[in-house]
C-alpha atoms as a PDB file:
ATOM      1  CA  MET A   1      -0.234  -0.075  -0.130  1.00  0.00           C
ATOM      2  CA  THR A   2       1.464   3.354  -1.069  1.00  0.00           C
ATOM      3  CA  MET A   3       0.532   6.458   1.259  1.00  0.00           C
ATOM      4  CA  VAL A   4       0.559   9.736  -0.136  1.00  0.00           C
ATOM      5  CA  LEU A   5       1.529  12.438   1.923  1.00  0.00           C
ATOM      6  CA  PHE A   6       0.324  16.405   1.539  1.00  0.00           C
ATOM      7  CA  PRO A   7       1.747  19.156   3.147  1.00  0.00           C
ATOM      8  CA  MET A   8      -0.276  21.076   5.999  1.00  0.00           C
ATOM      9  CA  SER A   9      -0.445  24.086   4.193  1.00  0.00           C
ATOM     10  CA  GLU A  10      -2.325  22.954   1.103  1.00  0.00           C
ATOM     11  CA  PHE A  11      -5.370  22.948   3.690  1.00  0.00           C
ATOM     12  CA  THR A  12      -7.460  25.277   5.002  1.00  0.00           C
ATOM     13  CA  PHE A  13      -8.937  24.502   8.370  1.00  0.00           C
ATOM     14  CA  VAL A  14     -11.902  26.580   8.885  1.00  0.00           C
ATOM     15  CA  LYS A  15     -13.405  27.176  12.649  1.00  0.00           C
ATOM     16  CA  PRO A  16     -17.085  26.912  12.243  1.00  0.00           C
ATOM     17  CA  VAL A  17     -19.040  30.235  13.901  1.00  0.00           C
ATOM     18  CA  GLN A  18     -20.585  29.239  16.943  1.00  0.00           C
ATOM     19  CA  GLY A  19     -23.746  31.317  17.588  1.00  0.00           C
ATOM     20  CA  PHE A  20     -25.184  31.986  20.944  1.00  0.00           C
ATOM     21  CA  SER A  21     -25.408  28.848  23.279  1.00  0.00           C
ATOM     22  CA  ASN A  22     -29.112  27.699  24.372  1.00  0.00           C
ATOM     23  CA  GLN A  23     -29.058  29.308  27.993  1.00  0.00           C
ATOM     24  CA  VAL A  24     -31.102  32.550  28.737  1.00  0.00           C
ATOM     25  CA  ILE A  25     -29.083  35.749  28.740  1.00  0.00           C
ATOM     26  CA  GLN A  26     -29.194  37.972  31.630  1.00  0.00           C
ATOM     27  CA  GLN A  27     -27.873  40.851  33.335  1.00  0.00           C
ATOM     28  CA  GLY A  28     -24.659  40.165  35.554  1.00  0.00           C
ATOM     29  CA  ALA A  29     -24.070  37.284  32.461  1.00  0.00           C
ATOM     30  CA  THR A  30     -20.250  37.392  31.344  1.00  0.00           C
ATOM     31  CA  GLY A  31     -18.437  35.575  28.414  1.00  0.00           C
ATOM     32  CA  ASP A  32     -18.577  34.642  24.665  1.00  0.00           C
ATOM     33  CA  ASP A  33     -22.710  35.050  24.425  1.00  0.00           C
ATOM     34  CA  VAL A  34     -22.628  38.365  25.983  1.00  0.00           C
ATOM     35  CA  ILE A  35     -19.596  39.540  23.613  1.00  0.00           C
ATOM     36  CA  GLU A  36     -21.861  38.167  20.808  1.00  0.00           C
ATOM     37  CA  LEU A  37     -24.875  39.726  22.191  1.00  0.00           C
ATOM     38  CA  GLN A  38     -22.903  43.231  22.457  1.00  0.00           C
ATOM     39  CA  SER A  39     -21.354  43.286  19.011  1.00  0.00           C
ATOM     40  CA  ARG A  40     -25.000  42.321  17.320  1.00  0.00           C
ATOM     41  CA  LEU A  41     -26.665  45.206  18.835  1.00  0.00           C
ATOM     42  CA  GLN A  42     -23.806  47.598  18.173  1.00  0.00           C
ATOM     43  CA  TYR A  43     -23.948  46.356  14.779  1.00  0.00           C
ATOM     44  CA  LEU A  44     -27.713  47.497  14.856  1.00  0.00           C
ATOM     45  CA  GLY A  45     -27.297  50.495  16.238  1.00  0.00           C
ATOM     46  CA  PHE A  46     -28.943  49.937  19.707  1.00  0.00           C
ATOM     47  CA  TYR A  47     -25.880  49.716  21.522  1.00  0.00           C
ATOM     48  CA  ASN A  48     -22.646  51.933  21.928  1.00  0.00           C
ATOM     49  CA  GLY A  49     -20.778  51.038  24.741  1.00  0.00           C
ATOM     50  CA  GLU A  50     -17.943  48.727  24.880  1.00  0.00           C
ATOM     51  CA  ILE A  51     -17.473  45.144  23.702  1.00  0.00           C
ATOM     52  CA  ASP A  52     -16.081  43.791  26.782  1.00  0.00           C
ATOM     53  CA  GLY A  53     -18.505  40.502  27.466  1.00  0.00           C
ATOM     54  CA  VAL A  54     -20.174  41.930  30.704  1.00  0.00           C
ATOM     55  CA  PHE A  55     -24.046  42.324  30.630  1.00  0.00           C
ATOM     56  CA  GLY A  56     -24.557  45.606  32.397  1.00  0.00           C
ATOM     57  CA  TRP A  57     -26.793  48.195  32.475  1.00  0.00           C
ATOM     58  CA  GLY A  58     -25.660  49.747  29.292  1.00  0.00           C
ATOM     59  CA  THR A  59     -26.298  46.098  27.588  1.00  0.00           C
ATOM     60  CA  TYR A  60     -29.876  45.795  29.394  1.00  0.00           C
ATOM     61  CA  TRP A  61     -31.006  49.090  27.864  1.00  0.00           C
ATOM     62  CA  ALA A  62     -29.880  47.943  24.709  1.00  0.00           C
ATOM     63  CA  VAL A  63     -31.502  44.604  24.687  1.00  0.00           C
ATOM     64  CA  ARG A  64     -34.800  46.413  25.841  1.00  0.00           C
ATOM     65  CA  ASN A  65     -34.978  48.612  23.257  1.00  0.00           C
ATOM     66  CA  PHE A  66     -34.362  46.136  20.530  1.00  0.00           C
ATOM     67  CA  GLN A  67     -37.097  43.887  22.104  1.00  0.00           C
ATOM     68  CA  TYR A  68     -39.644  47.062  22.045  1.00  0.00           C
ATOM     69  CA  GLU A  69     -38.773  47.841  18.085  1.00  0.00           C
ATOM     70  CA  PHE A  70     -39.037  44.355  16.825  1.00  0.00           C
ATOM     71  CA  GLY A  71     -42.040  44.085  18.517  1.00  0.00           C
ATOM     72  CA  LEU A  72     -40.762  41.534  21.178  1.00  0.00           C
ATOM     73  CA  GLU A  73     -41.462  41.088  24.955  1.00  0.00           C
ATOM     74  CA  ILE A  74     -40.172  44.042  26.627  1.00  0.00           C
ATOM     75  CA  ASP A  75     -37.968  42.260  29.932  1.00  0.00           C
ATOM     76  CA  GLY A  76     -34.281  42.783  29.384  1.00  0.00           C
ATOM     77  CA  LEU A  77     -34.002  38.947  28.711  1.00  0.00           C
ATOM     78  CA  VAL A  78     -32.283  37.166  26.014  1.00  0.00           C
ATOM     79  CA  GLY A  79     -33.952  34.150  25.155  1.00  0.00           C
ATOM     80  CA  GLN A  80     -34.615  32.182  22.052  1.00  0.00           C
ATOM     81  CA  GLU A  81     -36.865  34.438  20.045  1.00  0.00           C
ATOM     82  CA  VAL A  82     -34.432  37.279  20.898  1.00  0.00           C
ATOM     83  CA  LYS A  83     -31.319  35.442  19.673  1.00  0.00           C
ATOM     84  CA  ASP A  84     -33.504  34.828  16.666  1.00  0.00           C
ATOM     85  CA  ARG A  85     -34.308  38.144  15.905  1.00  0.00           C
ATOM     86  CA  LEU A  86     -31.213  38.984  16.151  1.00  0.00           C
ATOM     87  CA  ASN A  87     -29.293  36.728  14.234  1.00  0.00           C
ATOM     88  CA  LYS A  88     -31.720  37.339  11.410  1.00  0.00           C
ATOM     89  CA  ALA A  89     -31.161  41.494  11.407  1.00  0.00           C
ATOM     90  CA  SER A  90     -27.374  41.214  11.927  1.00  0.00           C
ATOM     91  CA  ASN A  91     -24.222  39.968  11.132  1.00  0.00           C
ATOM     92  CA  TYR A  92     -21.370  38.571  13.602  1.00  0.00           C
ATOM     93  CA  ASP A  93     -17.903  37.993  12.763  1.00  0.00           C
ATOM     94  CA  GLU A  94     -16.455  35.781  15.910  1.00  0.00           C
ATOM     95  CA  GLY A  95     -13.327  35.857  14.999  1.00  0.00           C
ATOM     96  CA  TYR A  96     -12.730  39.654  13.955  1.00  0.00           C
ATOM     97  CA  VAL A  97     -14.289  40.890  17.115  1.00  0.00           C
ATOM     98  CA  LYS A  98     -12.486  38.661  19.362  1.00  0.00           C
ATOM     99  CA  GLU A  99      -9.040  39.715  17.912  1.00  0.00           C
ATOM    100  CA  GLN A 100      -9.936  43.132  18.266  1.00  0.00           C
ATOM    101  CA  ILE A 101     -10.669  42.346  22.328  1.00  0.00           C
ATOM    102  CA  ARG A 102      -7.264  40.456  22.647  1.00  0.00           C
ATOM    103  CA  GLN A 103      -5.206  43.589  21.049  1.00  0.00           C
ATOM    104  CA  GLY A 104      -6.946  45.845  23.357  1.00  0.00           C
ATOM    105  CA  LYS A 105      -8.517  47.854  20.796  1.00  0.00           C
ATOM    106  CA  ASP A 106     -11.979  49.458  21.656  1.00  0.00           C
ATOM    107  CA  PHE A 107     -15.011  49.310  19.265  1.00  0.00           C
ATOM    108  CA  THR A 108     -15.866  52.625  18.457  1.00  0.00           C
ATOM    109  CA  HIS A 109     -18.776  51.083  15.934  1.00  0.00           C
ATOM    110  CA  TYR A 110     -19.295  47.674  15.369  1.00  0.00           C
ATOM    111  CA  GLY A 111     -20.852  46.951  11.851  1.00  0.00           C
ATOM    112  CA  GLY A 112     -21.890  49.484   8.833  1.00  0.00           C
ATOM    113  CA  VAL A 113     -18.250  50.960   8.519  1.00  0.00           C
ATOM    114  CA  PRO A 114     -15.218  49.304   6.811  1.00  0.00           C
ATOM    115  CA  LYS A 115     -13.161  47.191   9.758  1.00  0.00           C
ATOM    116  CA  SER A 116     -10.482  49.620   9.545  1.00  0.00           C
ATOM    117  CA  LYS A 117     -12.451  52.450  10.971  1.00  0.00           C
ATOM    118  CA  GLN A 118     -14.572  50.195  13.500  1.00  0.00           C
ATOM    119  CA  THR A 119     -11.674  50.175  16.152  1.00  0.00           C
ATOM    120  CA  GLU A 120      -9.243  52.360  17.888  1.00  0.00           C
ATOM    121  CA  GLY A 121      -5.377  51.270  17.444  1.00  0.00           C
ATOM    122  CA  GLN A 122      -4.683  52.680  21.166  1.00  0.00           C
ATOM    123  CA  LYS A 123      -4.368  50.033  24.076  1.00  0.00           C
ATOM    124  CA  LYS A 124      -5.565  50.682  27.375  1.00  0.00           C
ATOM    125  CA  GLN A 125      -3.632  53.689  29.363  1.00  0.00           C
ATOM    126  CA  GLN A 126      -2.397  51.668  31.501  1.00  0.00           C
ATOM    127  CA  GLN A 127      -0.478  48.945  29.504  1.00  0.00           C
ATOM    128  CA  GLN A 128       0.449  51.886  27.097  1.00  0.00           C
ATOM    129  CA  LYS A 129       2.760  53.133  30.360  1.00  0.00           C
ATOM    130  CA  THR A 130       3.902  49.537  30.928  1.00  0.00           C
ATOM    131  CA  ASN A 131       4.880  49.412  27.233  1.00  0.00           C
ATOM    132  CA  GLN A 132       7.169  52.719  27.467  1.00  0.00           C
ATOM    133  CA  GLY A 133       8.760  51.738  30.505  1.00  0.00           C
ATOM    134  CA  GLU A 134       7.151  53.822  33.445  1.00  0.00           C
ATOM    135  CA  GLY A 135       5.897  52.271  36.477  1.00  0.00           C
ATOM    136  CA  THR A 136       3.307  53.483  38.688  1.00  0.00           C
ATOM    137  CA  PRO A 137       3.414  56.849  39.349  1.00  0.00           C
ATOM    138  CA  GLN A 138       4.620  57.848  43.250  1.00  0.00           C
ATOM    139  CA  PRO A 139       2.630  60.878  45.259  1.00  0.00           C
ATOM    140  CA  GLU A 140       4.525  63.925  45.354  1.00  0.00           C
ATOM    141  CA  GLN A 141       6.059  64.292  49.191  1.00  0.00           C
ATOM    142  CA  ASN A 142       3.536  66.728  50.400  1.00  0.00           C
ATOM    143  CA  GLU A 143       0.355  65.071  48.412  1.00  0.00           C
ATOM    144  CA  GLN A 144      -2.415  64.176  50.667  1.00  0.00           C
ATOM    145  CA  PRO A 145      -3.706  60.532  49.532  1.00  0.00           C
ATOM    146  CA  LYS A 146      -7.458  61.148  47.282  1.00  0.00           C
ATOM    147  CA  GLN A 147     -10.337  60.560  49.526  1.00  0.00           C
ATOM    148  CA  PRO A 148     -13.317  58.022  47.940  1.00  0.00           C
ATOM    149  CA  ASP A 149     -16.556  60.307  46.634  1.00  0.00           C
ATOM    150  CA  GLU A 150     -19.367  60.867  48.694  1.00  0.00           C
ATOM    151  CA  PRO A 151     -21.636  57.904  48.208  1.00  0.00           C
ATOM    152  CA  THR A 152     -24.694  58.679  46.523  1.00  0.00           C
ATOM    153  CA  ALA A 153     -28.101  57.987  46.546  1.00  0.00           C
ATOM    154  CA  VAL A 154     -29.142  54.141  45.659  1.00  0.00           C
ATOM    155  CA  ASN A 155     -30.413  53.616  42.454  1.00  0.00           C
ATOM    156  CA  VAL A 156     -30.772  57.646  41.452  1.00  0.00           C
ATOM    157  CA  PRO A 157     -29.074  57.740  38.196  1.00  0.00           C
ATOM    158  CA  SER A 158     -26.297  60.439  38.039  1.00  0.00           C
ATOM    159  CA  GLY A 159     -27.494  63.887  37.278  1.00  0.00           C
ATOM    160  CA  TYR A 160     -31.033  63.147  38.515  1.00  0.00           C
ATOM    161  CA  SER A 161     -32.134  64.120  42.055  1.00  0.00           C
ATOM    162  CA  GLN A 162     -34.613  61.935  43.912  1.00  0.00           C
ATOM    163  CA  ASN A 163     -36.621  65.681  43.760  1.00  0.00           C
ATOM    164  CA  ASP A 164     -35.780  65.366  40.013  1.00  0.00           C
ATOM    165  CA  ILE A 165     -37.202  61.968  39.860  1.00  0.00           C
ATOM    166  CA  GLN A 166     -40.260  62.571  41.952  1.00  0.00           C
ATOM    167  CA  LEU A 167     -41.416  65.577  40.009  1.00  0.00           C
ATOM    168  CA  MET A 168     -41.269  63.604  36.357  1.00  0.00           C
ATOM    169  CA  ALA A 169     -42.707  60.840  38.359  1.00  0.00           C
ATOM    170  CA  ASN A 170     -45.469  63.305  39.610  1.00  0.00           C
ATOM    171  CA  ALA A 171     -45.562  64.931  35.307  1.00  0.00           C
ATOM    172  CA  VAL A 172     -45.920  60.855  34.266  1.00  0.00           C
ATOM    173  CA  TYR A 173     -48.747  59.740  36.346  1.00  0.00           C
ATOM    174  CA  GLY A 174     -50.757  63.526  35.775  1.00  0.00           C
ATOM    175  CA  GLU A 175     -50.109  62.845  32.267  1.00  0.00           C
ATOM    176  CA  ALA A 176     -50.274  58.906  31.259  1.00  0.00           C
ATOM    177  CA  ARG A 177     -51.498  57.027  34.306  1.00  0.00           C
ATOM    178  CA  GLY A 178     -54.307  55.296  32.101  1.00  0.00           C
ATOM    179  CA  GLU A 179     -51.472  54.530  29.493  1.00  0.00           C
ATOM    180  CA  PRO A 180     -49.811  51.078  28.758  1.00  0.00           C
ATOM    181  CA  TYR A 181     -46.184  51.398  30.356  1.00  0.00           C
ATOM    182  CA  VAL A 182     -44.472  51.603  27.247  1.00  0.00           C
ATOM    183  CA  GLY A 183     -46.914  55.205  26.884  1.00  0.00           C
ATOM    184  CA  GLN A 184     -45.624  56.302  30.316  1.00  0.00           C
ATOM    185  CA  VAL A 185     -41.810  55.636  29.651  1.00  0.00           C
ATOM    186  CA  ALA A 186     -42.513  57.669  26.623  1.00  0.00           C
ATOM    187  CA  VAL A 187     -43.961  60.690  28.743  1.00  0.00           C
ATOM    188  CA  ALA A 188     -40.765  60.556  30.971  1.00  0.00           C
ATOM    189  CA  ALA A 189     -38.669  60.465  27.606  1.00  0.00           C
ATOM    190  CA  VAL A 190     -40.157  63.457  26.026  1.00  0.00           C
ATOM    191  CA  ILE A 191     -38.866  65.031  29.289  1.00  0.00           C
ATOM    192  CA  LEU A 192     -35.963  64.275  29.012  1.00  0.00           C
ATOM    193  CA  ASN A 193     -35.248  64.778  25.612  1.00  0.00           C
ATOM    194  CA  ARG A 194     -36.651  68.382  26.012  1.00  0.00           C
ATOM    195  CA  VAL A 195     -34.248  69.138  28.984  1.00  0.00           C
ATOM    196  CA  GLN A 196     -31.608  67.733  26.292  1.00  0.00           C
ATOM    197  CA  SER A 197     -32.551  70.405  23.522  1.00  0.00           C
ATOM    198  CA  ALA A 198     -31.774  73.847  23.020  1.00  0.00           C
ATOM    199  CA  SER A 199     -35.462  75.013  22.535  1.00  0.00           C
ATOM    200  CA  PHE A 200     -36.010  74.235  26.505  1.00  0.00           C
ATOM    201  CA  PRO A 201     -34.923  74.473  29.681  1.00  0.00           C
ATOM    202  CA  ASN A 202     -32.143  72.456  30.806  1.00  0.00           C
ATOM    203  CA  THR A 203     -33.621  71.198  34.017  1.00  0.00           C
ATOM    204  CA  ALA A 204     -36.759  68.780  34.489  1.00  0.00           C
ATOM    205  CA  SER A 205     -38.478  71.080  36.484  1.00  0.00           C
ATOM    206  CA  GLY A 206     -37.857  74.071  34.333  1.00  0.00           C
ATOM    207  CA  VAL A 207     -39.618  71.818  31.614  1.00  0.00           C
ATOM    208  CA  ILE A 208     -42.475  70.771  33.582  1.00  0.00           C
ATOM    209  CA  PHE A 209     -43.523  73.663  34.620  1.00  0.00           C
ATOM    210  CA  GLU A 210     -42.752  75.740  31.430  1.00  0.00           C
ATOM    211  CA  PRO A 211     -46.215  77.963  30.732  1.00  0.00           C
ATOM    212  CA  ARG A 212     -48.608  75.912  28.901  1.00  0.00           C
ATOM    213  CA  ALA A 213     -46.486  73.099  28.696  1.00  0.00           C
ATOM    214  CA  PHE A 214     -48.380  70.172  30.442  1.00  0.00           C
ATOM    215  CA  THR A 215     -52.028  69.716  30.876  1.00  0.00           C
ATOM    216  CA  ALA A 216     -51.249  68.115  34.369  1.00  0.00           C
ATOM    217  CA  VAL A 217     -49.874  71.080  35.099  1.00  0.00           C
ATOM    218  CA  ALA A 218     -52.398  73.317  34.273  1.00  0.00           C
ATOM    219  CA  ASP A 219     -55.200  71.065  35.746  1.00  0.00           C
ATOM    220  CA  GLY A 220     -53.810  70.581  39.189  1.00  0.00           C
ATOM    221  CA  GLN A 221     -53.026  66.557  38.272  1.00  0.00           C
ATOM    222  CA  ILE A 222     -49.361  67.082  38.307  1.00  0.00           C
ATOM    223  CA  TRP A 223     -50.125  67.159  42.924  1.00  0.00           C
ATOM    224  CA  LEU A 224     -51.592  63.568  42.619  1.00  0.00           C
ATOM    225  CA  GLU A 225     -49.351  61.247  44.340  1.00  0.00           C
ATOM    226  CA  PRO A 226     -47.812  59.202  41.940  1.00  0.00           C
ATOM    227  CA  ASN A 227     -47.540  54.718  42.006  1.00  0.00           C
ATOM    228  CA  ASP A 228     -45.058  52.618  41.574  1.00  0.00           C
ATOM    229  CA  GLN A 229     -45.201  52.066  37.711  1.00  0.00           C
ATOM    230  CA  ALA A 230     -44.587  55.840  37.238  1.00  0.00           C
ATOM    231  CA  LYS A 231     -41.511  56.499  39.091  1.00  0.00           C
ATOM    232  CA  GLU A 232     -40.454  53.023  37.609  1.00  0.00           C
ATOM    233  CA  ALA A 233     -41.231  54.550  34.060  1.00  0.00           C
ATOM    234  CA  VAL A 234     -39.117  57.534  34.977  1.00  0.00           C
ATOM    235  CA  LEU A 235     -36.190  55.761  35.634  1.00  0.00           C
ATOM    236  CA  ASP A 236     -36.419  53.737  32.411  1.00  0.00           C
ATOM    237  CA  ALA A 237     -36.214  56.734  30.503  1.00  0.00           C
ATOM    238  CA  ILE A 238     -33.184  57.925  32.580  1.00  0.00           C
ATOM    239  CA  ASN A 239     -31.249  54.864  32.383  1.00  0.00           C
ATOM    240  CA  GLY A 240     -31.473  55.155  28.228  1.00  0.00           C
ATOM    241  CA  TRP A 241     -35.124  53.512  26.957  1.00  0.00           C
ATOM    242  CA  ASP A 242     -36.948  56.206  25.048  1.00  0.00           C
ATOM    243  CA  PRO A 243     -39.594  54.366  22.635  1.00  0.00           C
ATOM    244  CA  THR A 244     -40.442  57.751  20.732  1.00  0.00           C
ATOM    245  CA  GLY A 245     -37.533  58.178  18.711  1.00  0.00           C
ATOM    246  CA  GLN A 246     -36.478  61.549  20.290  1.00  0.00           C
ATOM    247  CA  ALA A 247     -39.627  63.130  20.315  1.00  0.00           C
ATOM    248  CA  ILE A 248     -40.225  66.598  21.961  1.00  0.00           C
ATOM    249  CA  TYR A 249     -43.726  67.001  21.449  1.00  0.00           C
ATOM    250  CA  TYR A 250     -46.805  64.467  21.911  1.00  0.00           C
ATOM    251  CA  PHE A 251     -50.234  65.175  21.998  1.00  0.00           C
ATOM    252  CA  ASN A 252     -53.824  62.979  22.174  1.00  0.00           C
ATOM    253  CA  PRO A 253     -55.340  63.354  18.889  1.00  0.00           C
ATOM    254  CA  LYS A 254     -59.108  63.042  20.396  1.00  0.00           C
ATOM    255  CA  THR A 255     -58.946  66.080  22.420  1.00  0.00           C
ATOM    256  CA  ALA A 256     -55.891  68.310  20.557  1.00  0.00           C
ATOM    257  CA  THR A 257     -57.511  71.661  19.899  1.00  0.00           C
ATOM    258  CA  SER A 258     -54.232  73.144  18.453  1.00  0.00           C
ATOM    259  CA  ASP A 259     -53.487  73.317  14.628  1.00  0.00           C
ATOM    260  CA  TRP A 260     -49.492  73.972  15.556  1.00  0.00           C
ATOM    261  CA  ILE A 261     -49.612  70.689  17.238  1.00  0.00           C
ATOM    262  CA  TRP A 262     -51.043  68.690  14.527  1.00  0.00           C
ATOM    263  CA  SER A 263     -48.111  70.559  12.154  1.00  0.00           C
ATOM    264  CA  ARG A 264     -45.246  69.069  13.833  1.00  0.00           C
ATOM    265  CA  PRO A 265     -43.588  65.860  12.022  1.00  0.00           C
ATOM    266  CA  GLN A 266     -44.976  62.761  13.748  1.00  0.00           C
ATOM    267  CA  ILE A 267     -42.837  59.952  14.528  1.00  0.00           C
ATOM    268  CA  LYS A 268     -45.373  56.835  16.180  1.00  0.00           C
ATOM    269  CA  GLN A 269     -48.047  56.180  18.075  1.00  0.00           C
ATOM    270  CA  ILE A 270     -47.904  55.148  21.596  1.00  0.00           C
ATOM    271  CA  GLY A 271     -51.100  54.080  23.425  1.00  0.00           C
ATOM    272  CA  LYS A 272     -53.464  57.533  22.650  1.00  0.00           C
ATOM    273  CA  HIS A 273     -50.747  59.884  22.312  1.00  0.00           C
ATOM    274  CA  ILE A 274     -48.984  60.270  18.961  1.00  0.00           C
ATOM    275  CA  PHE A 275     -45.278  61.582  19.690  1.00  0.00           C
ATOM    276  CA  CYS A 276     -43.333  64.437  17.343  1.00  0.00           C
ATOM    277  CA  LYS A 277     -40.514  65.843  16.836  1.00  0.00           C
END
């Protein structure tokens, strides 16, 4: 019997691309499933954080926004139905993504642009210093140790006080307590979008109490005691969920009497409200 030996270089072994595992992915998870999840969400424009394989709050809110836009149950959990939708709507180059992570590069945007523009070529700052031969910086002789930051209130997102959240919850409850939950988040999102807009006051209270801005202020319903759902809707909006698509106005088409509000470019209807630019 004659054996024919072929050089190994003549064959190319391609590692099959593995999809998500069968487990449900949820906040707190880490590993390859989360890397793929973050990559696919970033490919679709829902996630703009670092692809690091850690399912934190940024990934959680990106999942919820994806679920809302694709008509799925909004729970922040990545089960089989969510995975299937992600697989159909996005592409995932596992080898490329993991090689960039291995090299210490930061993604600026995965997908949609040439790969050469998707990452920053710089290593982490500490790694740069190590490569340049810099040791750990020593404090100057008279330098005092840095004191730890004062603790912040639990579950209060940065930039907003308890009073801001309470006031926005009052507004949401007064304006939208009969709306579905997503509609209450939408009203909170409009308030926040106005705070960020140069055309409106730059504080929550300034936006809410601007003359003729909200019916609940005019008729006194702003002072009704909000329920827990209204507060949760405000926190969802503050943490990044905007089901309105950046709307700064909304109205009820059955009760609106202003010709001007009908002239605003409409984005979508959620519950009884139409949201506009």
